[in-house]
Amino acid sequence: MTTVPAPRAERLYTIVHTAVDRIAGPLLVVEGAEDLTYGEFVDVAAGVDAHGAPLLRRGQVLEVDGGRAVVQVFGGTAGVGRAGTTVVSRGRPARTGVGLDLLGRVLDGAGRPRDGGPDPVADQERDVNGLPLNPVARDHPDEFIETGVSAIDALLTLVRGQKLPIFSGYGLPADELAARIATEARVPGDQEGFAVVFAAMGVTRRTADFFTERLVSAGSLARSVLLLNLAEDPTVERILTPRVALTIAEHLAYEHDLHVLVVLTDMTSYCEALREISAAREELPGRRGYPGYMYTDLATLYERAGRVRGRSGSVTQLPILSMPDDDISHPVPDLTGYITEGQVVLSRELTRTGVSPPIDVLPSLSRLMNAGIGAGRTREDHRPVADQLYACHARGVEVRRLLSIVGEGALSEEDRRSLAFSTRFEREFVGQGDGRRSIAETLDLAWQLLAPFPDDELGRIPPALRERFRPGT
C-alpha cells in the first residue's frame, strides 16, 4: 500500500476528529463528528513517514447519524488503529480533475496516474457524483454508432447516448469484446470527435495489461482515458472508479463536444464491493446479500448516459456484467436490465463451437435501435433485413432442437433451409472473427445469407427492397 502526503495547501485544516470508535473492514466509525456531511471527502491520518509528515489515506463519509459518522477509507484500514488516527475534513465531496490532458493517460481507479507520467493538467475539478440532469434537457438518442461487429450493428444497434450492457458468463470473452468495441467503434462521418473512457474494476494485472496493450496496439490510446482498479487495490476504491470515469466523460462530452463511449467492466465486481461495504456497515441484506439500495446506486451510474439539448457531445455507456452460473436472473443483470436500454448476451454454447464473438442474438435486444437506423443513418433496408434475420434464425434454432427427436429424415425442405441458414448465420455473420465490417458490408452479407430463401419466405422484407438489394436480381 502506498500513501502520500497531501499537498501543502490541503494541510491547512481547521476540523480534525480523533475519536475513532471502531474499525470494521474498510470503514471507520467516528464519534463527535457533527460537522461532517454525507458524501464529504476526508483524509485519514495514521502515523508519519520518515520525514515526520503524516501518512494520509483518502476517505469518504458514507453515513451521518447525529454526532456519529461512518467513513470508508479508499486505501484500506490495514495498519490503522484507533489510537493516534485522525480524520481530517476537506469540507467538500470527492472530486477529480477533468480535461483534455487526460486523453492518452492510464490512471488508477481514483484517477491518479498509473503510467509513470506526471499529474495531468486539469481544466478544473468536479464532484465525482455528478449533477442531476433535467429530463427536459435530455435529447433523444438517434445517431448510429458503428462498432464494426455485425451482430451488434445489424441486430442490436448501439445509438449515441444509449446505455447497452453486455451480459457474460465467467470465462466468456467479454473483455475481448469490450476492448474490440473500444478500439473500433466510431460515429460515421465524425471520427475526429470520438473518445473512449475505459474503466476496469477488480481486474487482474494480466487483464489490465491486456487492455493497455490492446489500446496501444490499435493506436486508440491517444483518444482514450484508461482507469484501472486492480483486484489487489482497495475494494472501496472500486466504488469510486465508475464515478471518476463518468465525470471525466461528461466533461469531454459537454464541454469539448466529443462523442464519448464509456466502457465499465466489470459491474459485477462493483456490486460485490457494494455488498462488502454494506456487510461491514451491518446493514440488512437484500437479494443474495446485496444491499437493498443497489438498484438506486446502479441507476445513479447508468442514468449519467445521454445527450443534452444544445450540446453536440454525448455519453454512451457499455457496461460489462459477469453473470454467476450464467444466471440472467441474478440481481446484478436483473436490476441492470430494468435501468438500461437492452442487452447483448454472450453464449457459452457458441464459444464452445468456436464462434467469435459469441453473441446470442435471440435473447439480446436494443430498445433504441429504431431511432438510429434507416435511410439517412444506416440504410433503408436495415430494419426489414434485421427482422428477417431474426425470424429465419429463430426458425432454424427451433428445427435444430427438434432434429434430435424426429431425425433428419422427417425434416421438410423449408426446415432444411432454415437449419442450414442458422448454421451459416452463426459461423459467418455472428462469428466474424477479428475482422471489422462496415454497416454496408454487414447488410450485404445478410442479403447473401438470405438469398437461398424463396420470396414467400421473406415476407418481412418489402418486395421493392428485395428487388433492389437481393443478389442476382
Protein backbone atom coordinates (compact mmCIF):
# COMPACT_ATOMS: atom_id res chain seq x y z
CA MET A 1 0.00 0.00 0.00
CA THR A 2 1.30 3.46 -0.92
CA THR A 3 0.29 6.57 0.92
CA VAL A 4 1.40 10.08 0.04
CA PRO A 5 1.13 13.29 1.99
CA ALA A 6 -1.45 15.74 0.74
CA PRO A 7 -0.25 18.92 -0.99
CA ARG A 8 0.70 21.76 1.37
CA ALA A 9 -2.45 23.72 0.55
CA GLU A 10 -4.57 20.79 1.69
CA ARG A 11 -2.82 20.54 5.10
CA LEU A 12 -4.34 23.76 6.38
CA TYR A 13 -7.33 22.14 8.04
CA THR A 14 -9.39 23.55 10.87
CA ILE A 15 -11.56 20.49 11.61
CA VAL A 16 -9.82 17.41 12.99
CA HIS A 17 -11.58 14.40 14.54
CA THR A 18 -9.65 11.98 16.75
CA ALA A 19 -12.47 9.98 18.36
CA VAL A 20 -12.28 6.84 16.20
CA ASP A 21 -14.69 4.49 17.96
CA ARG A 22 -14.49 1.38 15.79
CA ILE A 23 -12.79 -0.07 12.71
CA ALA A 24 -14.73 -2.58 10.57
CA GLY A 25 -13.09 -3.72 7.36
CA PRO A 26 -12.56 -0.61 5.19
CA LEU A 27 -14.75 1.53 7.49
CA LEU A 28 -14.04 3.84 10.41
CA VAL A 29 -16.74 4.87 12.89
CA VAL A 30 -16.06 8.39 14.16
CA GLU A 31 -17.80 9.92 17.17
CA GLY A 32 -18.30 13.63 17.81
CA ALA A 33 -18.47 14.41 14.09
CA GLU A 34 -21.47 16.75 13.98
CA ASP A 35 -19.82 18.97 11.35
CA LEU A 36 -19.19 16.14 8.83
CA THR A 37 -21.66 15.86 5.93
CA TYR A 38 -22.83 12.93 3.82
CA GLY A 39 -20.57 12.30 0.81
CA GLU A 40 -17.83 14.60 2.10
CA PHE A 41 -14.22 13.83 1.20
CA VAL A 42 -11.86 13.39 4.18
CA ASP A 43 -8.27 12.44 4.91
CA VAL A 44 -7.42 9.71 7.41
CA ALA A 45 -4.05 10.31 9.05
CA ALA A 46 -2.46 7.22 10.64
CA GLY A 47 1.22 7.53 11.53
CA VAL A 48 4.00 9.55 9.92
CA ASP A 49 6.60 8.92 7.23
CA ALA A 50 10.41 9.05 7.61
CA HIS A 51 10.32 12.87 7.41
CA GLY A 52 7.65 13.25 10.06
CA ALA A 53 4.90 14.14 7.59
CA PRO A 54 1.51 12.48 8.18
CA LEU A 55 0.64 9.46 6.06
CA LEU A 56 -2.75 10.24 4.59
CA ARG A 57 -5.36 8.00 3.05
CA ARG A 58 -8.39 9.38 1.31
CA GLY A 59 -11.85 8.57 2.55
CA GLN A 60 -15.48 9.46 2.09
CA VAL A 61 -18.34 9.88 4.55
CA LEU A 62 -20.93 7.16 3.91
CA GLU A 63 -23.31 7.83 6.78
CA VAL A 64 -24.04 10.57 9.29
CA ASP A 65 -26.22 9.93 12.32
CA GLY A 66 -26.14 12.79 14.79
CA GLY A 67 -22.58 13.01 16.04
CA ARG A 68 -21.62 9.61 14.59
CA ALA A 69 -20.15 9.25 11.10
CA VAL A 70 -19.08 6.21 9.06
CA VAL A 71 -16.07 6.80 6.79
CA GLN A 72 -14.91 4.46 4.03
CA VAL A 73 -11.13 4.53 3.59
CA PHE A 74 -10.03 4.18 -0.03
CA GLY A 75 -6.56 2.97 0.91
CA GLY A 76 -7.95 0.29 3.23
CA THR A 77 -7.53 0.17 7.00
CA ALA A 78 -4.57 -2.24 7.22
CA GLY A 79 -2.16 -0.86 9.82
CA VAL A 80 -4.71 1.66 11.13
CA GLY A 81 -5.52 1.62 14.83
CA ARG A 82 -7.98 3.55 16.93
CA ALA A 83 -5.25 5.29 18.88
CA GLY A 84 -3.39 8.01 17.01
CA THR A 85 -5.72 8.02 13.99
CA THR A 86 -7.31 11.30 13.00
CA VAL A 87 -9.97 12.10 10.43
CA VAL A 88 -9.41 15.46 8.76
CA SER A 89 -12.28 17.17 6.99
CA ARG A 90 -11.69 18.53 3.50
CA GLY A 91 -15.04 20.31 3.58
CA ARG A 92 -16.00 19.12 0.10
CA PRO A 93 -17.21 15.97 -1.68
CA ALA A 94 -14.96 13.60 -3.63
CA ARG A 95 -13.60 15.38 -6.69
CA THR A 96 -11.43 14.52 -9.70
CA GLY A 97 -9.55 16.52 -12.28
CA VAL A 98 -11.05 16.68 -15.76
CA GLY A 99 -9.82 17.94 -19.12
CA LEU A 100 -8.34 17.07 -22.48
CA ASP A 101 -4.93 16.39 -20.92
CA LEU A 102 -6.31 13.12 -19.54
CA LEU A 103 -6.63 11.68 -23.05
CA GLY A 104 -3.86 9.16 -23.68
CA ARG A 105 -3.29 8.53 -19.97
CA VAL A 106 -3.52 5.38 -17.84
CA LEU A 107 -4.88 6.12 -14.35
CA ASP A 108 -5.72 4.13 -11.26
CA GLY A 109 -9.28 3.68 -10.04
CA ALA A 110 -9.24 7.01 -8.20
CA GLY A 111 -7.94 8.99 -11.18
CA ARG A 112 -4.26 9.13 -10.20
CA PRO A 113 -1.52 8.41 -12.81
CA ARG A 114 -0.59 4.74 -13.16
CA ASP A 115 1.54 5.10 -16.29
CA GLY A 116 4.51 6.77 -14.58
CA GLY A 117 3.75 10.15 -16.13
CA PRO A 118 3.19 13.46 -14.37
CA ASP A 119 -0.15 14.50 -12.96
CA PRO A 120 -2.45 15.56 -15.82
CA VAL A 121 -3.12 19.27 -16.17
CA ALA A 122 -6.80 19.53 -15.27
CA ASP A 123 -9.14 22.16 -16.68
CA GLN A 124 -11.00 22.04 -13.37
CA GLU A 125 -12.00 19.69 -10.57
CA ARG A 126 -15.51 18.26 -10.43
CA ASP A 127 -17.63 16.34 -7.97
CA VAL A 128 -17.44 12.66 -8.96
CA ASN A 129 -21.12 12.18 -8.11
CA GLY A 130 -22.14 14.43 -10.97
CA LEU A 131 -25.18 16.67 -11.11
CA PRO A 132 -28.76 15.61 -11.79
CA LEU A 133 -29.69 16.06 -15.46
CA ASN A 134 -33.03 17.73 -16.04
CA PRO A 135 -35.14 15.26 -18.04
CA VAL A 136 -36.45 18.15 -20.14
CA ALA A 137 -32.86 18.92 -21.17
CA ARG A 138 -32.28 15.39 -22.44
CA ASP A 139 -32.20 14.88 -26.19
CA HIS A 140 -33.43 11.55 -27.56
CA PRO A 141 -30.59 9.29 -28.83
CA ASP A 142 -30.88 8.92 -32.60
CA GLU A 143 -27.38 8.63 -34.11
CA PHE A 144 -25.84 5.31 -35.10
CA ILE A 145 -22.50 4.19 -33.59
CA GLU A 146 -20.71 1.67 -35.80
CA THR A 147 -18.88 -0.89 -33.66
CA GLY A 148 -17.61 -3.00 -36.57
CA VAL A 149 -19.29 -6.08 -35.03
CA SER A 150 -22.00 -7.34 -37.40
CA ALA A 151 -24.28 -8.89 -34.79
CA ILE A 152 -24.38 -5.61 -32.86
CA ASP A 153 -24.54 -3.19 -35.79
CA ALA A 154 -27.26 -5.06 -37.67
CA LEU A 155 -29.42 -6.53 -34.90
CA LEU A 156 -28.55 -4.77 -31.62
CA THR A 157 -27.68 -1.34 -32.91
CA LEU A 158 -25.85 0.96 -30.49
CA VAL A 159 -27.08 4.56 -30.58
CA ARG A 160 -25.20 7.63 -29.38
CA GLY A 161 -26.34 8.43 -25.84
CA GLN A 162 -27.59 4.89 -25.14
CA LYS A 163 -26.66 2.54 -22.28
CA LEU A 164 -26.32 -1.00 -23.66
CA PRO A 165 -24.84 -3.61 -21.28
CA ILE A 166 -23.08 -6.84 -22.23
CA PHE A 167 -24.17 -9.86 -20.15
CA SER A 168 -21.46 -12.52 -19.94
CA GLY A 169 -20.83 -15.71 -18.04
CA TYR A 170 -17.50 -16.12 -16.27
CA GLY A 171 -14.80 -17.26 -18.68
CA LEU A 172 -16.52 -15.90 -21.78
CA PRO A 173 -14.62 -13.35 -23.90
CA ALA A 174 -16.42 -10.23 -22.65
CA ASP A 175 -13.12 -8.41 -22.07
CA GLU A 176 -12.03 -9.09 -25.64
CA LEU A 177 -15.34 -7.83 -26.99
CA ALA A 178 -15.18 -4.71 -24.80
CA ALA A 179 -11.63 -3.91 -25.93
CA ARG A 180 -12.62 -4.55 -29.53
CA ILE A 181 -15.54 -2.12 -29.39
CA ALA A 182 -13.43 0.46 -27.56
CA THR A 183 -10.79 0.43 -30.31
CA GLU A 184 -13.03 0.04 -33.38
CA ALA A 185 -16.23 1.95 -32.58
CA ARG A 186 -16.85 5.26 -34.35
CA VAL A 187 -19.59 7.68 -35.27
CA PRO A 188 -19.77 7.60 -39.11
CA GLY A 189 -18.70 10.93 -40.54
CA ASP A 190 -17.28 12.23 -37.24
CA GLN A 191 -14.21 10.15 -36.40
CA GLU A 192 -12.22 13.06 -35.00
CA GLY A 193 -14.82 13.82 -32.32
CA PHE A 194 -14.91 10.33 -30.80
CA ALA A 195 -13.28 9.42 -27.47
CA VAL A 196 -13.30 6.42 -25.13
CA VAL A 197 -13.20 6.30 -21.33
CA PHE A 198 -12.43 2.73 -20.30
CA ALA A 199 -12.84 1.82 -16.61
CA ALA A 200 -11.81 -1.64 -15.39
CA MET A 201 -12.77 -2.65 -11.84
CA GLY A 202 -11.31 -5.52 -9.84
CA VAL A 203 -9.25 -6.89 -12.74
CA THR A 204 -6.03 -8.89 -12.56
CA ARG A 205 -2.72 -7.38 -13.66
CA ARG A 206 -2.81 -9.65 -16.70
CA THR A 207 -6.20 -8.28 -17.75
CA ALA A 208 -5.08 -4.71 -17.06
CA ASP A 209 -2.02 -5.26 -19.27
CA PHE A 210 -4.27 -6.72 -21.96
CA PHE A 211 -6.49 -3.63 -22.03
CA THR A 212 -3.47 -1.31 -22.11
CA GLU A 213 -1.68 -3.23 -24.85
CA ARG A 214 -4.85 -3.51 -26.91
CA LEU A 215 -5.48 0.24 -26.86
CA VAL A 216 -1.81 0.98 -27.61
CA SER A 217 -1.50 -1.54 -30.46
CA ALA A 218 -4.71 -0.30 -32.07
CA GLY A 219 -3.50 3.30 -31.91
CA SER A 220 -6.52 4.22 -29.82
CA LEU A 221 -4.86 5.25 -26.55
CA ALA A 222 -4.38 8.84 -27.76
CA ARG A 223 -8.16 9.31 -27.82
CA SER A 224 -8.81 7.25 -24.68
CA VAL A 225 -8.64 7.52 -20.90
CA LEU A 226 -7.93 4.19 -19.20
CA LEU A 227 -8.74 3.73 -15.49
CA LEU A 228 -7.54 0.50 -13.87
CA ASN A 229 -8.69 -0.67 -10.45
CA LEU A 230 -6.78 -3.89 -9.84
CA ALA A 231 -8.01 -6.84 -7.79
CA GLU A 232 -5.23 -6.12 -5.28
CA ASP A 233 -6.30 -2.48 -4.87
CA PRO A 234 -8.58 -1.49 -2.01
CA THR A 235 -12.12 -2.72 -2.56
CA VAL A 236 -13.67 0.60 -1.62
CA GLU A 237 -11.76 2.31 -4.43
CA ARG A 238 -13.92 0.23 -6.76
CA ILE A 239 -16.92 2.31 -5.67
CA LEU A 240 -15.13 5.45 -6.84
CA THR A 241 -13.85 4.18 -10.20
CA PRO A 242 -17.02 4.35 -12.36
CA ARG A 243 -17.90 7.75 -10.89
CA VAL A 244 -14.48 9.15 -11.77
CA ALA A 245 -14.78 7.69 -15.28
CA LEU A 246 -18.22 9.19 -15.86
CA THR A 247 -17.16 12.58 -14.50
CA ILE A 248 -14.25 12.66 -16.95
CA ALA A 249 -16.55 11.57 -19.77
CA GLU A 250 -19.19 14.20 -19.01
CA HIS A 251 -16.61 16.98 -19.17
CA LEU A 252 -15.25 15.73 -22.51
CA ALA A 253 -18.78 15.42 -23.90
CA TYR A 254 -20.46 18.58 -22.69
CA GLU A 255 -17.51 20.97 -22.53
CA HIS A 256 -15.46 19.74 -25.52
CA ASP A 257 -18.29 18.38 -27.72
CA LEU A 258 -16.87 14.86 -28.01
CA HIS A 259 -18.86 11.66 -28.54
CA VAL A 260 -17.64 9.64 -25.55
CA LEU A 261 -18.05 5.88 -25.22
CA VAL A 262 -17.71 4.75 -21.59
CA VAL A 263 -16.87 1.08 -21.08
CA LEU A 264 -17.37 -0.15 -17.49
CA THR A 265 -16.06 -3.62 -16.72
CA ASP A 266 -16.93 -5.49 -14.57
CA MET A 267 -20.05 -4.07 -12.93
CA THR A 268 -20.45 -7.32 -11.01
CA SER A 269 -17.15 -6.55 -9.26
CA TYR A 270 -18.53 -3.12 -8.45
CA CYS A 271 -21.66 -4.65 -6.93
CA GLU A 272 -19.57 -7.12 -4.93
CA ALA A 273 -17.76 -4.13 -3.44
CA LEU A 274 -21.12 -2.58 -2.58
CA ARG A 275 -22.12 -5.80 -0.84
CA GLU A 276 -18.85 -5.96 1.12
CA ILE A 277 -19.22 -2.39 2.38
CA SER A 278 -22.89 -2.97 3.20
CA ALA A 279 -21.95 -6.01 5.29
CA ALA A 280 -19.26 -4.01 7.10
CA ARG A 281 -21.89 -1.38 7.93
CA GLU A 282 -24.10 -4.18 9.31
CA GLU A 283 -27.00 -3.25 7.03
CA LEU A 284 -29.91 -5.59 6.46
CA PRO A 285 -29.14 -7.54 3.28
CA GLY A 286 -31.42 -7.79 0.26
CA ARG A 287 -31.42 -10.41 -2.51
CA ARG A 288 -28.38 -12.72 -2.24
CA GLY A 289 -26.83 -10.42 0.34
CA TYR A 290 -26.67 -7.36 -1.89
CA PRO A 291 -27.84 -4.08 -0.31
CA GLY A 292 -31.44 -3.11 -0.83
CA TYR A 293 -30.40 0.20 -2.38
CA MET A 294 -28.33 -1.41 -5.16
CA TYR A 295 -30.96 -0.56 -7.80
CA THR A 296 -30.79 3.13 -6.86
CA ASP A 297 -26.99 3.04 -6.74
CA LEU A 298 -26.74 1.49 -10.21
CA ALA A 299 -29.26 3.99 -11.55
CA THR A 300 -27.07 6.88 -10.39
CA LEU A 301 -24.36 5.49 -12.71
CA TYR A 302 -26.34 4.30 -15.71
CA GLU A 303 -28.54 7.40 -15.91
CA ARG A 304 -25.47 9.56 -16.49
CA ALA A 305 -25.51 8.41 -20.11
CA GLY A 306 -27.30 10.50 -22.66
CA ARG A 307 -27.36 13.64 -24.78
CA VAL A 308 -28.18 17.22 -23.79
CA ARG A 309 -30.17 19.60 -25.95
CA GLY A 310 -27.98 22.28 -27.44
CA ARG A 311 -24.76 20.28 -26.91
CA SER A 312 -23.00 18.36 -29.66
CA GLY A 313 -21.34 15.84 -27.34
CA SER A 314 -22.80 12.73 -25.79
CA VAL A 315 -22.05 9.99 -23.24
CA THR A 316 -22.75 6.42 -24.36
CA GLN A 317 -22.33 3.57 -21.88
CA LEU A 318 -21.31 -0.03 -22.50
CA PRO A 319 -21.29 -1.76 -19.08
CA ILE A 320 -19.97 -5.33 -18.87
CA LEU A 321 -21.60 -7.69 -16.34
CA SER A 322 -20.50 -11.20 -15.36
CA MET A 323 -23.43 -13.48 -14.52
CA PRO A 324 -22.63 -16.06 -11.79
CA ASP A 325 -23.63 -19.53 -13.05
CA ASP A 326 -24.76 -17.86 -16.32
CA ASP A 327 -27.89 -16.80 -14.43
CA ILE A 328 -29.52 -13.86 -16.19
CA SER A 329 -31.95 -13.52 -13.26
CA HIS A 330 -29.05 -12.82 -10.86
CA PRO A 331 -29.63 -9.46 -9.07
CA VAL A 332 -26.88 -7.58 -10.95
CA PRO A 333 -28.04 -8.29 -14.55
CA ASP A 334 -31.68 -8.32 -13.43
CA LEU A 335 -31.57 -4.82 -11.97
CA THR A 336 -29.37 -3.57 -14.79
CA GLY A 337 -31.94 -4.73 -17.32
CA TYR A 338 -34.60 -2.55 -15.69
CA ILE A 339 -32.44 0.57 -15.98
CA THR A 340 -30.67 0.18 -19.33
CA GLU A 341 -31.99 0.08 -22.90
CA GLY A 342 -31.39 -3.52 -23.89
CA GLN A 343 -28.61 -6.06 -23.52
CA VAL A 344 -26.05 -8.05 -25.52
CA VAL A 345 -25.90 -11.64 -24.25
CA LEU A 346 -22.84 -13.85 -24.79
CA SER A 347 -23.37 -17.59 -25.28
CA ARG A 348 -21.25 -20.34 -23.76
CA GLU A 349 -22.53 -22.80 -26.37
CA LEU A 350 -21.38 -20.57 -29.23
CA THR A 351 -17.99 -20.19 -27.54
CA ARG A 352 -17.60 -23.99 -27.43
CA THR A 353 -18.27 -24.20 -31.18
CA GLY A 354 -15.63 -21.56 -31.94
CA VAL A 355 -17.96 -18.67 -32.82
CA SER A 356 -16.28 -15.33 -32.11
CA PRO A 357 -17.67 -13.05 -30.83
CA PRO A 358 -20.19 -15.49 -29.27
CA ILE A 359 -23.23 -13.17 -29.28
CA ASP A 360 -26.56 -14.94 -28.79
CA VAL A 361 -28.86 -12.62 -30.73
CA LEU A 362 -32.20 -14.17 -29.71
CA PRO A 363 -32.20 -13.11 -26.02
CA SER A 364 -30.41 -9.86 -26.91
CA LEU A 365 -32.03 -6.59 -27.92
CA SER A 366 -31.52 -2.87 -28.30
CA ARG A 367 -34.57 -0.82 -27.34
CA LEU A 368 -33.29 2.30 -29.13
CA MET A 369 -32.33 0.54 -32.34
CA ASN A 370 -35.15 2.02 -34.43
CA ALA A 371 -34.07 5.55 -33.52
CA GLY A 372 -30.60 5.11 -35.03
CA ILE A 373 -31.18 3.14 -38.25
CA GLY A 374 -32.86 3.57 -41.60
CA ALA A 375 -32.43 5.90 -44.56
CA GLY A 376 -30.00 8.73 -43.82
CA ARG A 377 -28.49 6.91 -40.86
CA THR A 378 -27.56 3.38 -41.93
CA ARG A 379 -29.58 2.08 -44.92
CA GLU A 380 -33.27 1.88 -45.76
CA ASP A 381 -33.25 -1.93 -45.77
CA HIS A 382 -31.74 -2.20 -42.27
CA ARG A 383 -34.92 -2.76 -40.21
CA PRO A 384 -36.60 -5.24 -42.60
CA VAL A 385 -33.39 -7.22 -43.03
CA ALA A 386 -32.85 -7.36 -39.25
CA ASP A 387 -36.43 -8.59 -38.73
CA GLN A 388 -35.96 -11.26 -41.39
CA LEU A 389 -32.66 -12.44 -39.92
CA TYR A 390 -34.31 -12.81 -36.52
CA ALA A 391 -37.25 -14.74 -37.98
CA CYS A 392 -35.14 -17.12 -40.06
CA HIS A 393 -32.63 -17.77 -37.27
CA ALA A 394 -35.37 -18.39 -34.69
CA ARG A 395 -36.93 -20.93 -37.05
CA GLY A 396 -33.56 -22.61 -37.59
CA VAL A 397 -32.88 -22.86 -33.84
CA GLU A 398 -36.29 -24.43 -33.35
CA VAL A 399 -35.59 -27.01 -36.07
CA ARG A 400 -32.21 -27.78 -34.51
CA ARG A 401 -33.92 -28.61 -31.21
CA LEU A 402 -36.39 -30.91 -32.94
CA LEU A 403 -33.74 -32.66 -35.01
CA SER A 404 -32.61 -34.98 -32.22
CA ILE A 405 -36.22 -36.05 -31.67
CA VAL A 406 -37.68 -36.50 -35.16
CA GLY A 407 -34.47 -37.24 -37.08
CA GLU A 408 -33.20 -35.54 -40.22
CA GLY A 409 -35.39 -37.64 -42.49
CA ALA A 410 -38.54 -36.07 -41.06
CA LEU A 411 -37.48 -32.52 -41.94
CA SER A 412 -39.25 -30.65 -44.72
CA GLU A 413 -37.46 -28.68 -47.40
CA GLU A 414 -38.27 -25.47 -45.52
CA ASP A 415 -36.88 -26.97 -42.29
CA ARG A 416 -33.64 -27.93 -44.01
CA ARG A 417 -33.29 -24.47 -45.48
CA SER A 418 -33.82 -22.83 -42.09
CA LEU A 419 -31.37 -25.22 -40.40
CA ALA A 420 -28.69 -24.51 -43.00
CA PHE A 421 -29.28 -20.78 -42.64
CA SER A 422 -28.85 -20.82 -38.84
CA THR A 423 -25.58 -22.71 -39.15
CA ARG A 424 -24.19 -20.25 -41.71
CA PHE A 425 -25.60 -17.28 -39.78
CA GLU A 426 -23.75 -18.26 -36.60
CA ARG A 427 -20.49 -19.14 -38.35
CA GLU A 428 -20.26 -16.38 -40.95
CA PHE A 429 -22.40 -13.48 -39.72
CA VAL A 430 -22.09 -13.64 -35.91
CA GLY A 431 -18.72 -15.39 -35.92
CA GLN A 432 -16.84 -12.84 -37.99
CA GLY A 433 -13.53 -13.41 -36.19
CA ASP A 434 -11.17 -10.47 -35.73
CA GLY A 435 -12.15 -8.62 -38.89
CA ARG A 436 -14.06 -5.36 -38.86
CA ARG A 437 -17.12 -4.83 -41.06
CA SER A 438 -18.81 -1.60 -42.01
CA ILE A 439 -22.59 -1.47 -41.77
CA ALA A 440 -22.82 -1.69 -45.57
CA GLU A 441 -20.68 -4.85 -45.61
CA THR A 442 -22.78 -6.30 -42.79
CA LEU A 443 -26.08 -5.74 -44.59
CA ASP A 444 -24.67 -7.06 -47.88
CA LEU A 445 -23.59 -10.25 -46.09
CA ALA A 446 -27.08 -10.57 -44.61
CA TRP A 447 -28.58 -10.47 -48.12
CA GLN A 448 -26.17 -13.22 -49.25
CA LEU A 449 -27.28 -15.44 -46.37
CA LEU A 450 -30.97 -14.79 -47.15
CA ALA A 451 -30.55 -15.41 -50.91
CA PRO A 452 -31.47 -19.16 -50.81
CA PHE A 453 -34.95 -18.41 -49.43
CA PRO A 454 -37.82 -18.01 -51.91
CA ASP A 455 -39.79 -14.77 -51.87
CA ASP A 456 -42.71 -16.26 -49.97
CA GLU A 457 -40.37 -16.99 -47.02
CA LEU A 458 -39.01 -13.45 -46.94
CA GLY A 459 -42.28 -11.81 -46.02
CA ARG A 460 -40.72 -9.33 -43.60
CA ILE A 461 -38.90 -7.55 -46.43
CA PRO A 462 -40.97 -5.40 -48.84
CA PRO A 463 -40.83 -6.54 -52.48
CA ALA A 464 -39.25 -3.26 -53.59
CA LEU A 465 -36.30 -3.78 -51.25
CA ARG A 466 -35.92 -7.42 -52.33
CA GLU A 467 -35.71 -6.33 -55.95
CA ARG A 468 -33.15 -3.65 -55.16
CA PHE A 469 -30.78 -5.40 -52.75
CA ARG A 470 -31.15 -9.13 -53.25
CA PRO A 471 -28.10 -10.63 -55.01
CA GLY A 472 -28.76 -11.69 -58.57
CA THR A 473 -31.89 -9.57 -59.03
